[in-house]
N, C-alpha and C. Protein backbone atom coordinates (compact mmCIF):
# COMPACT_ATOMS: atom_id res chain seq x y z
N UNK A 1 -26.18 -27.80 -22.43
CA UNK A 1 -25.61 -27.20 -20.97
C UNK A 1 -24.76 -26.18 -21.56
N UNK A 2 -23.83 -26.00 -22.65
CA UNK A 2 -22.83 -24.98 -22.69
C UNK A 2 -23.82 -23.84 -22.90
N UNK A 3 -24.88 -23.96 -23.80
CA UNK A 3 -25.74 -22.62 -24.11
C UNK A 3 -25.69 -22.32 -22.65
N UNK A 4 -25.79 -22.51 -21.75
CA UNK A 4 -26.88 -21.97 -20.47
C UNK A 4 -25.14 -21.41 -19.80
N UNK A 5 -23.99 -21.86 -19.55
CA UNK A 5 -23.03 -21.68 -18.77
C UNK A 5 -22.21 -20.81 -20.00
N UNK A 6 -21.97 -20.60 -21.43
CA UNK A 6 -21.95 -19.26 -21.80
C UNK A 6 -22.32 -18.26 -21.23
N UNK A 7 -23.11 -17.54 -21.48
CA UNK A 7 -24.43 -16.58 -20.98
C UNK A 7 -24.49 -16.19 -19.53
N UNK A 8 -24.12 -17.26 -19.05
CA UNK A 8 -23.87 -17.07 -17.19
C UNK A 8 -22.58 -16.30 -17.31
N UNK A 9 -21.31 -17.09 -17.98
CA UNK A 9 -20.49 -16.40 -17.25
C UNK A 9 -20.01 -15.19 -17.87
N UNK A 10 -20.75 -14.88 -19.00
CA UNK A 10 -20.34 -13.15 -19.84
C UNK A 10 -21.33 -12.42 -19.06
N UNK A 11 -22.43 -12.77 -18.76
CA UNK A 11 -23.30 -11.77 -17.77
C UNK A 11 -22.38 -11.43 -16.23
N UNK A 12 -21.84 -12.66 -15.82
CA UNK A 12 -21.04 -12.49 -14.89
C UNK A 12 -19.57 -11.67 -14.37
N UNK A 13 -18.96 -11.61 -16.15
CA UNK A 13 -18.08 -11.50 -16.40
C UNK A 13 -18.34 -9.71 -16.38
N UNK A 14 -19.56 -9.15 -17.23
CA UNK A 14 -19.56 -7.66 -17.80
C UNK A 14 -20.19 -7.37 -15.69
N UNK A 15 -21.17 -7.71 -15.12
CA UNK A 15 -21.40 -7.53 -13.67
C UNK A 15 -19.65 -7.36 -13.10
N UNK A 16 -19.02 -7.49 -13.19
CA UNK A 16 -17.68 -8.14 -12.20
C UNK A 16 -17.46 -6.41 -13.06
N UNK A 17 -16.68 -6.51 -13.96
CA UNK A 17 -16.03 -5.33 -14.69
C UNK A 17 -17.05 -3.61 -14.10
N UNK A 18 -18.39 -3.95 -14.20
CA UNK A 18 -19.39 -2.29 -14.42
C UNK A 18 -19.33 -2.39 -12.94
N UNK A 19 -19.05 -3.30 -12.38
CA UNK A 19 -18.92 -3.20 -10.61
C UNK A 19 -17.29 -2.39 -10.20
N UNK A 20 -16.67 -2.43 -11.13
CA UNK A 20 -15.27 -2.26 -10.48
C UNK A 20 -15.22 -0.47 -10.98
N UNK A 21 -16.31 0.10 -12.55
CA UNK A 21 -16.46 1.37 -12.87
C UNK A 21 -17.58 2.03 -12.36
N UNK A 22 -17.94 1.62 -11.25
CA UNK A 22 -19.48 2.07 -11.30
C UNK A 22 -19.06 3.33 -10.31
N UNK A 23 -19.45 4.39 -10.28
CA UNK A 23 -19.68 5.09 -9.05
C UNK A 23 -20.75 5.11 -8.62
N UNK A 24 -20.83 4.82 -7.87
CA UNK A 24 -21.94 4.64 -6.69
C UNK A 24 -22.05 5.81 -5.73
N UNK A 25 -23.35 7.06 -5.95
CA UNK A 25 -22.55 8.05 -4.83
C UNK A 25 -23.91 7.95 -3.50
N UNK A 26 -24.44 6.71 -2.83
CA UNK A 26 -24.98 6.68 -1.99
C UNK A 26 -24.01 6.89 -0.26
N UNK A 27 -23.45 8.01 -0.53
CA UNK A 27 -22.59 7.84 1.19
C UNK A 27 -23.20 9.13 1.76
N UNK A 28 -23.42 8.57 3.10
CA UNK A 28 -24.17 9.92 3.99
C UNK A 28 -23.15 10.25 4.15
N UNK A 29 -23.29 11.58 4.07
CA UNK A 29 -22.32 12.64 4.93
C UNK A 29 -22.72 13.49 5.89
N UNK A 30 -23.81 12.75 6.36
CA UNK A 30 -23.90 14.09 7.79
C UNK A 30 -23.45 13.91 9.28
N UNK A 31 -22.48 12.59 9.29
CA UNK A 31 -21.57 12.46 10.63
C UNK A 31 -20.09 12.71 9.79
N UNK A 32 -19.81 12.90 8.82
CA UNK A 32 -18.40 13.50 8.69
C UNK A 32 -18.41 15.35 9.03
N UNK A 33 -16.88 14.77 9.22
CA UNK A 33 -16.29 16.84 9.36
C UNK A 33 -16.05 17.13 7.82
N UNK A 34 -16.06 18.67 8.23
CA UNK A 34 -15.79 19.25 6.96
C UNK A 34 -14.98 19.75 7.00
N UNK A 35 -13.99 19.83 8.21
CA UNK A 35 -12.11 19.99 8.64
C UNK A 35 -11.71 18.56 8.09
N UNK A 36 -10.83 18.86 6.96
CA UNK A 36 -9.23 17.73 6.75
C UNK A 36 -9.03 17.10 8.08
N UNK A 37 -9.00 18.02 8.74
CA UNK A 37 -7.96 17.32 10.04
C UNK A 37 -8.86 16.38 11.24
N UNK A 38 -9.68 16.78 11.23
CA UNK A 38 -10.10 15.77 11.71
C UNK A 38 -10.08 14.37 12.01
N UNK A 39 -9.99 14.23 10.50
CA UNK A 39 -10.04 12.72 10.25
C UNK A 39 -8.58 12.14 10.43
N UNK A 40 -8.86 10.78 10.89
CA UNK A 40 -7.98 9.52 11.32
C UNK A 40 -7.58 8.30 10.62
N UNK A 41 -6.26 7.76 10.39
CA UNK A 41 -6.08 7.06 8.84
C UNK A 41 -4.92 5.54 9.34
N UNK A 42 -4.72 4.71 9.24
CA UNK A 42 -4.30 3.33 9.69
C UNK A 42 -3.08 3.56 8.55
N UNK A 43 -2.40 3.78 9.28
CA UNK A 43 -0.56 4.50 8.00
C UNK A 43 0.04 2.51 7.90
N UNK A 44 0.71 3.04 6.98
CA UNK A 44 0.86 0.69 6.80
C UNK A 44 1.53 0.59 7.48
N UNK A 45 1.61 0.81 8.18
CA UNK A 45 2.21 0.05 10.05
C UNK A 45 1.06 -0.73 10.76
N UNK A 46 0.16 0.21 10.57
CA UNK A 46 -1.48 -0.29 11.33
C UNK A 46 -0.95 0.85 12.62
N UNK A 47 -0.19 2.42 12.52
CA UNK A 47 -0.49 2.78 13.28
C UNK A 47 -1.40 4.10 13.00
N UNK A 48 -2.23 4.65 13.95
CA UNK A 48 -3.57 5.00 13.95
C UNK A 48 -2.70 6.77 14.10
N UNK A 49 -3.23 7.36 12.92
CA UNK A 49 -2.70 8.58 12.26
C UNK A 49 -3.42 9.58 12.17
N UNK A 50 -3.33 11.36 12.62
CA UNK A 50 -4.49 11.90 12.57
C UNK A 50 -4.18 13.16 11.44
N UNK A 51 -4.62 13.82 10.64
CA UNK A 51 -4.52 14.73 9.48
C UNK A 51 -4.25 15.78 9.97
N UNK A 52 -4.43 16.22 11.66
CA UNK A 52 -4.31 17.44 12.33
C UNK A 52 -2.35 17.37 12.03
N UNK A 53 -2.26 16.22 12.61
CA UNK A 53 -0.25 15.96 12.64
C UNK A 53 0.28 16.86 11.14
N UNK A 54 -0.79 17.10 10.22
CA UNK A 54 0.58 17.83 9.11
C UNK A 54 -0.28 19.07 8.72
N UNK A 55 -1.37 19.57 9.93
CA UNK A 55 -1.60 21.08 10.04
C UNK A 55 -0.23 21.67 9.61
N UNK A 56 -0.23 23.00 9.08
CA UNK A 56 0.44 23.98 8.54
C UNK A 56 1.62 23.70 7.51
N UNK A 57 0.94 22.88 6.36
CA UNK A 57 1.68 22.16 5.42
C UNK A 57 0.76 22.36 4.52
N UNK A 58 1.00 21.65 3.22
CA UNK A 58 0.79 21.97 2.13
C UNK A 58 0.58 19.94 2.10
N UNK A 59 -0.19 19.54 1.46
CA UNK A 59 -1.09 17.94 1.58
C UNK A 59 -1.11 17.43 -0.26
N UNK A 60 -0.16 16.72 -0.03
CA UNK A 60 -0.86 16.46 -2.09
C UNK A 60 -0.77 14.68 -1.38
N UNK A 61 -2.46 14.23 -2.14
CA UNK A 61 -2.89 13.22 -1.34
C UNK A 61 -3.20 12.42 -2.34
N UNK A 62 -2.67 11.16 -2.78
CA UNK A 62 -2.62 10.12 -3.93
C UNK A 62 -2.99 9.02 -3.56
N UNK A 63 -3.67 8.57 -4.48
CA UNK A 63 -4.41 6.68 -4.20
C UNK A 63 -2.94 6.07 -5.49
N UNK A 64 -2.14 5.62 -5.09
CA UNK A 64 -1.17 4.54 -5.48
C UNK A 64 -1.86 2.76 -5.74
N UNK A 65 -1.17 2.24 -6.62
CA UNK A 65 -0.58 1.24 -6.82
C UNK A 65 0.13 0.43 -7.53
N UNK A 66 0.52 -0.40 -7.20
CA UNK A 66 1.90 -1.21 -7.51
C UNK A 66 1.83 -1.48 -8.69
N UNK A 67 0.90 -2.17 -10.00
CA UNK A 67 1.06 -2.91 -11.27
C UNK A 67 0.26 -2.07 -12.24
N UNK A 68 0.24 -0.59 -11.95
CA UNK A 68 -0.13 0.36 -13.03
C UNK A 68 0.49 1.36 -14.27
N UNK A 69 0.16 1.44 -15.06
CA UNK A 69 0.78 2.34 -15.97
C UNK A 69 1.87 3.42 -15.22
N UNK A 70 1.10 4.13 -14.09
CA UNK A 70 1.62 4.91 -13.31
C UNK A 70 2.05 4.51 -12.51
N UNK A 71 2.55 3.76 -11.76
CA UNK A 71 3.54 3.37 -10.81
C UNK A 71 5.10 3.79 -10.65
N UNK A 72 5.39 4.44 -11.79
CA UNK A 72 6.67 4.73 -12.32
C UNK A 72 7.21 6.36 -11.55
N UNK A 73 5.47 6.96 -10.74
CA UNK A 73 5.20 8.24 -10.23
C UNK A 73 5.54 8.21 -9.54
N UNK A 74 6.11 6.77 -8.64
CA UNK A 74 6.31 6.80 -7.16
C UNK A 74 7.66 7.90 -6.64
N UNK A 75 8.22 7.62 -7.73
CA UNK A 75 9.99 8.19 -8.13
C UNK A 75 9.40 9.93 -7.81
N UNK A 76 8.78 10.27 -8.78
CA UNK A 76 8.08 11.61 -9.26
C UNK A 76 7.53 12.40 -7.64
N UNK A 77 7.30 11.58 -6.98
CA UNK A 77 6.25 11.60 -5.50
C UNK A 77 7.34 11.99 -4.10
N UNK A 78 8.48 10.78 -4.58
CA UNK A 78 9.31 11.07 -3.70
C UNK A 78 9.71 12.53 -4.45
N UNK A 79 10.89 12.60 -5.28
CA UNK A 79 11.82 14.50 -5.50
C UNK A 79 10.52 15.09 -4.94
N UNK A 80 9.20 15.25 -5.30
CA UNK A 80 8.64 15.95 -4.72
C UNK A 80 8.53 16.73 -3.02
N UNK A 81 8.40 15.17 -2.98
CA UNK A 81 8.66 15.15 -1.25
C UNK A 81 10.20 15.32 -0.73
N UNK A 82 11.06 15.27 -1.00
CA UNK A 82 12.43 15.63 -0.89
C UNK A 82 12.77 16.83 -0.80
N UNK A 83 11.86 17.57 -2.35
CA UNK A 83 12.69 18.68 -2.08
C UNK A 83 11.79 19.65 -2.10
N UNK A 84 10.41 19.54 -1.21
CA UNK A 84 9.98 20.94 -0.76
C UNK A 84 9.26 20.33 0.72
N UNK A 85 9.80 19.41 1.31
CA UNK A 85 9.18 18.66 2.52
C UNK A 85 9.08 19.73 4.02
N UNK A 86 9.78 20.61 3.65
CA UNK A 86 9.61 21.87 4.93
C UNK A 86 8.07 22.50 4.52
N UNK A 87 7.65 22.53 3.71
CA UNK A 87 6.44 22.95 3.60
C UNK A 87 5.11 21.80 2.90
N UNK A 88 5.77 20.93 2.48
CA UNK A 88 5.09 19.76 1.83
C UNK A 88 4.78 18.62 1.98
N UNK A 89 3.52 17.63 2.50
CA UNK A 89 4.14 16.58 2.52
C UNK A 89 3.05 15.12 1.90
N UNK A 90 3.74 14.66 0.90
CA UNK A 90 2.73 14.02 0.21
C UNK A 90 2.15 12.23 1.23
N UNK A 91 1.49 12.08 0.55
CA UNK A 91 0.21 10.81 1.29
C UNK A 91 -0.19 9.63 0.45
N UNK A 92 0.90 8.62 0.82
CA UNK A 92 0.55 8.04 -0.42
C UNK A 92 -1.20 6.74 0.13
N UNK A 93 -2.06 6.55 -0.81
CA UNK A 93 -2.85 5.53 -0.02
C UNK A 93 -2.93 4.45 -1.22
N UNK A 94 -2.56 3.24 -0.42
CA UNK A 94 -2.97 2.43 -1.91
C UNK A 94 -4.78 1.50 -2.02
N UNK A 95 -4.60 1.07 -3.22
CA UNK A 95 -5.98 1.23 -3.29
C UNK A 95 -5.88 -0.03 -4.54
N UNK A 96 -6.70 -0.65 -4.34
CA UNK A 96 -6.94 -2.03 -5.12
C UNK A 96 -8.39 -2.05 -6.36
N UNK A 97 -8.81 -0.82 -5.94
CA UNK A 97 -9.99 -0.14 -6.73
C UNK A 97 -9.96 -0.75 -8.28
N UNK A 98 -8.77 0.30 -8.80
CA UNK A 98 -8.86 0.33 -10.50
C UNK A 98 -8.04 -0.83 -10.72
N UNK A 99 -9.14 -2.40 -11.72
CA UNK A 99 -8.97 -3.52 -12.47
C UNK A 99 -7.68 -3.93 -11.31
N UNK A 100 -7.73 -4.26 -10.34
CA UNK A 100 -7.30 -5.14 -9.56
C UNK A 100 -5.42 -4.06 -9.52
N UNK A 101 -4.92 -3.75 -9.31
CA UNK A 101 -3.86 -3.44 -9.20
C UNK A 101 -2.64 -3.07 -8.45
N UNK A 102 -3.39 -3.46 -7.25
CA UNK A 102 -2.83 -3.46 -6.20
C UNK A 102 -3.86 -4.44 -5.61
N UNK A 103 -3.02 -5.68 -5.51
CA UNK A 103 -3.46 -6.69 -5.23
C UNK A 103 -2.82 -7.47 -3.79
N UNK A 104 -1.55 -6.40 -3.20
CA UNK A 104 0.04 -6.63 -2.39
C UNK A 104 -1.36 -6.35 -1.46
N UNK A 105 -0.34 -7.31 -0.24
CA UNK A 105 -1.01 -6.57 1.19
C UNK A 105 -0.09 -5.53 1.88
N UNK A 106 -0.34 -4.77 3.44
CA UNK A 106 0.33 -4.10 3.51
C UNK A 106 1.71 -4.28 3.79
N UNK A 107 2.43 -5.14 4.10
CA UNK A 107 3.58 -5.15 4.27
C UNK A 107 4.14 -5.47 3.00
N UNK A 108 3.86 -5.91 1.65
CA UNK A 108 4.23 -6.28 0.75
C UNK A 108 4.26 -5.24 -0.63
N UNK A 109 3.11 -4.10 0.25
CA UNK A 109 3.48 -2.15 -0.79
C UNK A 109 4.01 -1.92 -0.03
N UNK A 110 4.83 -1.74 1.21
CA UNK A 110 5.80 -1.20 1.88
C UNK A 110 6.97 -1.55 1.18
N UNK A 111 7.28 -2.96 1.22
CA UNK A 111 8.90 -3.54 1.13
C UNK A 111 8.79 -2.78 -0.57
N UNK A 112 7.65 -3.53 -1.61
CA UNK A 112 8.22 -2.95 -2.92
C UNK A 112 8.43 -1.30 -2.56
N UNK A 113 7.42 -0.44 -2.67
CA UNK A 113 7.78 1.33 -2.47
C UNK A 113 9.35 1.57 -2.11
N UNK A 114 9.30 0.84 -0.96
CA UNK A 114 10.64 0.92 0.11
C UNK A 114 11.80 0.16 -1.03
N UNK A 115 12.53 -0.64 -1.60
CA UNK A 115 13.22 -1.12 -2.03
C UNK A 115 13.26 -0.29 -3.48
N UNK A 116 11.97 -0.81 -4.33
CA UNK A 116 11.85 -0.26 -5.89
C UNK A 116 12.28 1.53 -6.10
N UNK A 117 11.13 2.22 -4.95
CA UNK A 117 11.06 3.89 -5.50
C UNK A 117 12.15 4.91 -3.83
N UNK A 118 12.64 3.54 -3.08
CA UNK A 118 13.11 4.38 -2.25
C UNK A 118 11.67 5.02 -1.54
N UNK A 119 10.89 5.20 -1.71
CA UNK A 119 9.83 6.37 -1.10
C UNK A 119 9.74 6.23 0.81
N UNK A 120 9.73 7.66 1.34
CA UNK A 120 10.16 7.54 2.28
C UNK A 120 8.80 8.86 2.85
N UNK A 121 8.29 9.18 2.21
CA UNK A 121 6.60 9.77 2.56
C UNK A 121 5.60 9.05 2.88
N UNK A 122 5.05 9.28 3.64
CA UNK A 122 4.24 8.73 5.08
C UNK A 122 3.06 7.63 3.50
N UNK A 123 2.90 6.42 3.96
CA UNK A 123 1.74 5.72 3.15
C UNK A 123 1.20 4.48 4.32
N UNK A 124 0.03 4.32 3.89
CA UNK A 124 -1.25 4.31 4.59
C UNK A 124 -2.33 3.53 4.10
N UNK A 125 -2.73 2.43 4.92
CA UNK A 125 -3.22 0.92 4.88
C UNK A 125 -3.79 1.16 3.38
N UNK A 126 -3.97 -0.01 2.61
CA UNK A 126 -4.85 -0.31 1.55
C UNK A 126 -5.93 0.26 1.94
N UNK A 127 -7.24 0.96 0.90
CA UNK A 127 -7.99 1.56 1.14
C UNK A 127 -9.11 2.08 0.11
N UNK A 128 -9.83 1.95 -0.25
CA UNK A 128 -10.85 2.34 -0.71
C UNK A 128 -11.57 3.60 -1.50
N UNK A 129 -10.94 3.49 -2.52
CA UNK A 129 -11.39 5.15 -2.95
C UNK A 129 -12.43 5.99 -4.05
N UNK A 130 -13.04 5.12 -4.00
CA UNK A 130 -13.95 5.24 -4.89
C UNK A 130 -15.38 5.25 -4.84
N UNK A 131 -16.59 6.56 -5.08
CA UNK A 131 -17.24 6.65 -4.14
C UNK A 131 -17.89 5.02 -3.82
N UNK A 132 -19.01 5.36 -3.04
CA UNK A 132 -19.55 3.85 -2.38
C UNK A 132 -19.64 3.62 -1.03
N UNK A 133 -20.55 2.39 -0.47
CA UNK A 133 -20.22 2.33 0.81
C UNK A 133 -19.29 1.97 1.70
N UNK A 134 -18.41 1.27 0.75
CA UNK A 134 -16.63 1.34 1.14
C UNK A 134 -15.74 2.08 0.73
N UNK A 135 -16.41 3.42 0.82
CA UNK A 135 -14.94 4.57 0.59
C UNK A 135 -14.87 5.04 1.71
N UNK A 136 -12.86 4.81 2.10
CA UNK A 136 -12.36 5.46 2.47
C UNK A 136 -13.27 6.69 3.28
N UNK A 137 -12.87 7.85 4.17
CA UNK A 137 -13.55 8.31 4.95
C UNK A 137 -13.26 9.38 4.57
N UNK A 138 -11.92 9.67 4.42
CA UNK A 138 -10.82 11.13 3.77
C UNK A 138 -11.40 10.91 2.06
N UNK A 139 -11.17 9.97 1.49
CA UNK A 139 -11.97 9.80 0.50
C UNK A 139 -13.40 10.58 -0.28
N UNK A 140 -14.04 10.44 1.13
CA UNK A 140 -15.42 10.97 1.52
C UNK A 140 -15.19 12.44 1.04
N UNK A 141 -14.12 12.58 2.04
CA UNK A 141 -14.33 14.40 2.19
C UNK A 141 -13.62 15.04 0.74
N UNK A 142 -13.08 13.68 0.39
CA UNK A 142 -12.03 14.57 -1.33
C UNK A 142 -12.84 14.99 -2.35
N UNK A 143 -14.10 14.11 -2.28
CA UNK A 143 -15.39 14.02 -3.18
C UNK A 143 -16.48 14.37 -2.77
N UNK A 144 -16.53 15.02 -2.20
CA UNK A 144 -17.79 15.85 -1.44
C UNK A 144 -17.95 16.97 -1.35
N UNK A 145 -18.38 17.49 -2.50
CA UNK A 145 -18.78 19.48 -2.26
C UNK A 145 -18.99 19.51 -0.79
N UNK A 146 -19.64 19.36 0.06
CA UNK A 146 -20.67 19.45 0.75
C UNK A 146 -19.58 19.57 2.02
N UNK A 147 -18.78 18.73 2.01
CA UNK A 147 -17.39 18.69 2.97
C UNK A 147 -16.69 19.27 2.75
N UNK A 148 -15.87 19.50 1.61
CA UNK A 148 -14.64 19.74 0.88
C UNK A 148 -14.84 21.75 0.42
N UNK A 149 -15.99 21.95 -0.05
CA UNK A 149 -16.77 22.98 -0.46
C UNK A 149 -16.49 23.41 -1.35
N UNK A 150 -16.02 22.39 -2.40
CA UNK A 150 -16.40 22.97 -4.23
C UNK A 150 -16.25 21.66 -5.32
N UNK A 151 -15.26 20.33 -4.64
CA UNK A 151 -15.60 19.20 -5.53
C UNK A 151 -16.24 18.28 -5.29
N UNK A 152 -16.74 17.30 -6.24
CA UNK A 152 -17.29 16.22 -6.23
C UNK A 152 -16.24 14.71 -6.98
N UNK A 153 -15.18 15.60 -7.26
CA UNK A 153 -14.70 14.01 -8.17
C UNK A 153 -13.75 13.39 -7.60
N UNK A 154 -14.20 12.10 -7.63
CA UNK A 154 -13.67 11.23 -7.19
C UNK A 154 -12.41 10.13 -7.68
N UNK A 155 -11.11 9.54 -7.40
CA UNK A 155 -10.05 9.82 -8.19
C UNK A 155 -11.43 8.40 -9.85
N UNK A 156 -10.35 8.86 -10.84
CA UNK A 156 -10.94 7.68 -12.14
C UNK A 156 -9.94 6.91 -12.11
N UNK A 157 -8.75 6.94 -11.86
CA UNK A 157 -7.78 6.16 -12.07
C UNK A 157 -6.65 6.40 -10.91
N UNK A 158 -5.23 5.04 -10.68
CA UNK A 158 -4.84 5.46 -9.70
C UNK A 158 -3.81 6.61 -10.38
N UNK A 159 -3.27 7.01 -9.03
CA UNK A 159 -2.15 8.16 -9.31
C UNK A 159 -3.15 9.43 -9.47
N UNK A 160 -4.46 9.89 -9.05
CA UNK A 160 -4.79 10.96 -8.81
C UNK A 160 -4.47 11.54 -8.04
N UNK A 161 -4.75 12.75 -8.03
CA UNK A 161 -3.91 13.67 -6.90
C UNK A 161 -4.47 14.79 -6.37
N UNK A 162 -4.32 15.17 -5.20
CA UNK A 162 -5.34 16.19 -4.56
C UNK A 162 -4.36 17.38 -3.68
N UNK A 163 -4.54 18.11 -3.54
CA UNK A 163 -3.66 19.53 -2.90
C UNK A 163 -4.12 20.10 -2.27
N UNK A 164 -3.73 20.05 -0.89
CA UNK A 164 -4.70 20.85 0.06
C UNK A 164 -3.96 21.86 0.82
N UNK A 165 -4.34 23.01 1.10
CA UNK A 165 -3.01 23.91 1.15
C UNK A 165 -2.90 24.47 2.84
N UNK A 166 -1.42 24.81 3.61
CA UNK A 166 -1.44 24.93 4.50
C UNK A 166 -2.61 25.17 5.23
N UNK A 167 -3.56 25.70 5.12
CA UNK A 167 -5.17 26.05 5.57
C UNK A 167 -5.80 24.81 6.21
N UNK A 168 -5.63 23.86 5.33
CA UNK A 168 -6.73 22.58 5.20
C UNK A 168 -7.80 22.53 4.10
N UNK A 169 -7.79 22.84 3.21
CA UNK A 169 -8.28 23.54 2.11
C UNK A 169 -8.33 22.61 0.72
N UNK A 170 -8.86 22.30 0.23
CA UNK A 170 -8.56 21.03 -1.25
C UNK A 170 -8.34 22.38 -1.78
N UNK A 171 -7.60 22.45 -2.57
CA UNK A 171 -7.40 24.00 -4.15
C UNK A 171 -7.49 23.43 -5.15
N UNK A 172 -7.13 22.47 -4.99
CA UNK A 172 -7.06 21.52 -6.96
C UNK A 172 -6.55 20.09 -6.82
N UNK A 173 -7.14 19.72 -7.85
CA UNK A 173 -6.83 17.82 -8.56
C UNK A 173 -6.26 17.98 -9.57
N UNK A 174 -5.79 16.84 -9.31
CA UNK A 174 -4.75 16.46 -10.73
C UNK A 174 -4.89 15.36 -11.33
N UNK A 175 -4.91 15.10 -12.62
CA UNK A 175 -5.69 13.68 -13.37
C UNK A 175 -4.18 12.85 -12.91
N UNK A 176 -4.39 11.46 -13.05
CA UNK A 176 -2.92 10.27 -12.93
C UNK A 176 -2.05 11.14 -13.97
N UNK A 177 -2.67 11.24 -15.48
CA UNK A 177 -1.90 11.72 -16.10
C UNK A 177 -0.86 12.63 -16.46
N UNK A 178 -0.79 13.54 -15.07
CA UNK A 178 -0.61 14.68 -14.27
C UNK A 178 0.73 14.09 -13.50
N UNK A 179 2.18 14.22 -13.66
CA UNK A 179 3.44 13.66 -12.97
C UNK A 179 3.46 14.66 -11.95
N UNK A 180 4.18 14.32 -11.13
CA UNK A 180 4.11 14.52 -9.66
C UNK A 180 4.94 15.72 -9.85
N UNK A 181 6.25 16.05 -11.08
CA UNK A 181 7.01 17.31 -10.83
C UNK A 181 6.55 18.38 -12.39
N UNK A 182 5.42 17.99 -12.49
CA UNK A 182 4.75 18.93 -13.24
C UNK A 182 4.44 20.02 -13.33
N UNK A 183 4.91 21.07 -14.17
CA UNK A 183 4.98 22.30 -13.92
C UNK A 183 2.97 23.44 -13.05
N UNK A 184 2.52 22.30 -13.29
CA UNK A 184 1.10 22.41 -13.12
C UNK A 184 1.08 22.01 -11.27
N UNK A 185 1.80 21.31 -10.84
CA UNK A 185 2.02 21.51 -9.49
C UNK A 185 3.01 21.81 -9.20
N UNK A 186 4.47 22.24 -9.56
CA UNK A 186 5.32 22.88 -8.96
C UNK A 186 4.97 24.15 -8.76
N UNK A 187 4.40 24.69 -9.50
CA UNK A 187 3.93 26.40 -9.17
C UNK A 187 3.37 26.66 -8.07
N UNK A 188 2.68 25.58 -7.31
CA UNK A 188 2.13 25.80 -6.03
C UNK A 188 3.45 25.70 -5.25
N UNK A 189 4.32 25.67 -5.19
CA UNK A 189 5.80 25.36 -4.75
C UNK A 189 6.64 26.46 -5.06
N UNK A 190 6.78 26.93 -6.13
CA UNK A 190 7.44 27.93 -6.36
C UNK A 190 7.84 28.98 -6.13
N UNK A 191 6.93 29.25 -5.17
CA UNK A 191 6.26 30.56 -4.65
C UNK A 191 6.55 30.64 -3.45
N UNK A 192 6.73 31.54 -2.71
CA UNK A 192 6.99 32.22 -0.97
C UNK A 192 5.63 32.26 -0.48
N UNK A 193 4.25 32.48 -1.22
CA UNK A 193 3.45 32.38 -1.26
C UNK A 193 2.98 31.25 -0.55
N UNK A 194 2.10 31.55 0.39
CA UNK A 194 0.45 30.52 0.87
C UNK A 194 0.05 30.38 0.05
N UNK A 195 -0.43 29.04 -0.80
CA UNK A 195 -1.63 28.66 -1.31
C UNK A 195 -3.09 29.43 -0.89
N UNK A 196 -3.39 30.06 -2.43
CA UNK A 196 -5.28 29.92 -1.57
C UNK A 196 -5.80 29.84 -1.85
C-alpha cells in the first residue's frame, strides 16, 4: 500500500508547487480598458475605489505580503509615500500567490501593516496578481502590453513594483529586490519635471 501512497503524494506535492509558479496567460483582454483610470478596486476596508481618484499623481503599485523576506520594504514604501505624497500615491495589494506568504484575512493584514510598519498609504483587499483566470483586472492591465502599451511581465515575487506617471502611463517596473528608496525609483521624484 505504501508503494502507491508515496508516489501519489509526490505527484500531488509537485502539482501544487508547479501551480504556484505557473504563468498561465489564458486571459481575455477584449473587455478590459486600456486606461488605468477605468479600473475599480476594493480597499482593504471593503470600499470601492476608482483608480481615477489618483489622476494627476504618480502611482507606485506594489503586491505585498506579510511573511516574505521583503516584508521590511513596507517601511521604505511608507517613507517614500511620506516624502512625496504631494505628487505620489503608493498602493499596496496583498497577495498570497507566492508560496502562501500572505495567509491573513484583510483585517489581519491591515492591523499588521499599521502596527508593525505604520502603513498609512492606501491598502487594498487581497487579490491574485499572477497571470491566469483569477488575476485581478488591474494586474491584467499592468502585465498585458495590449492594455498598457509595452509590458507583459507579471510579478515574479512579492514586492514587485509598477510605476505609473501622472498621465496614467506605465513607465517602469522594478523587481522585488529593488528597495522603495533605491535611486532607480527616487530619480523619478528628484526632479520637478513630469515623468515621461
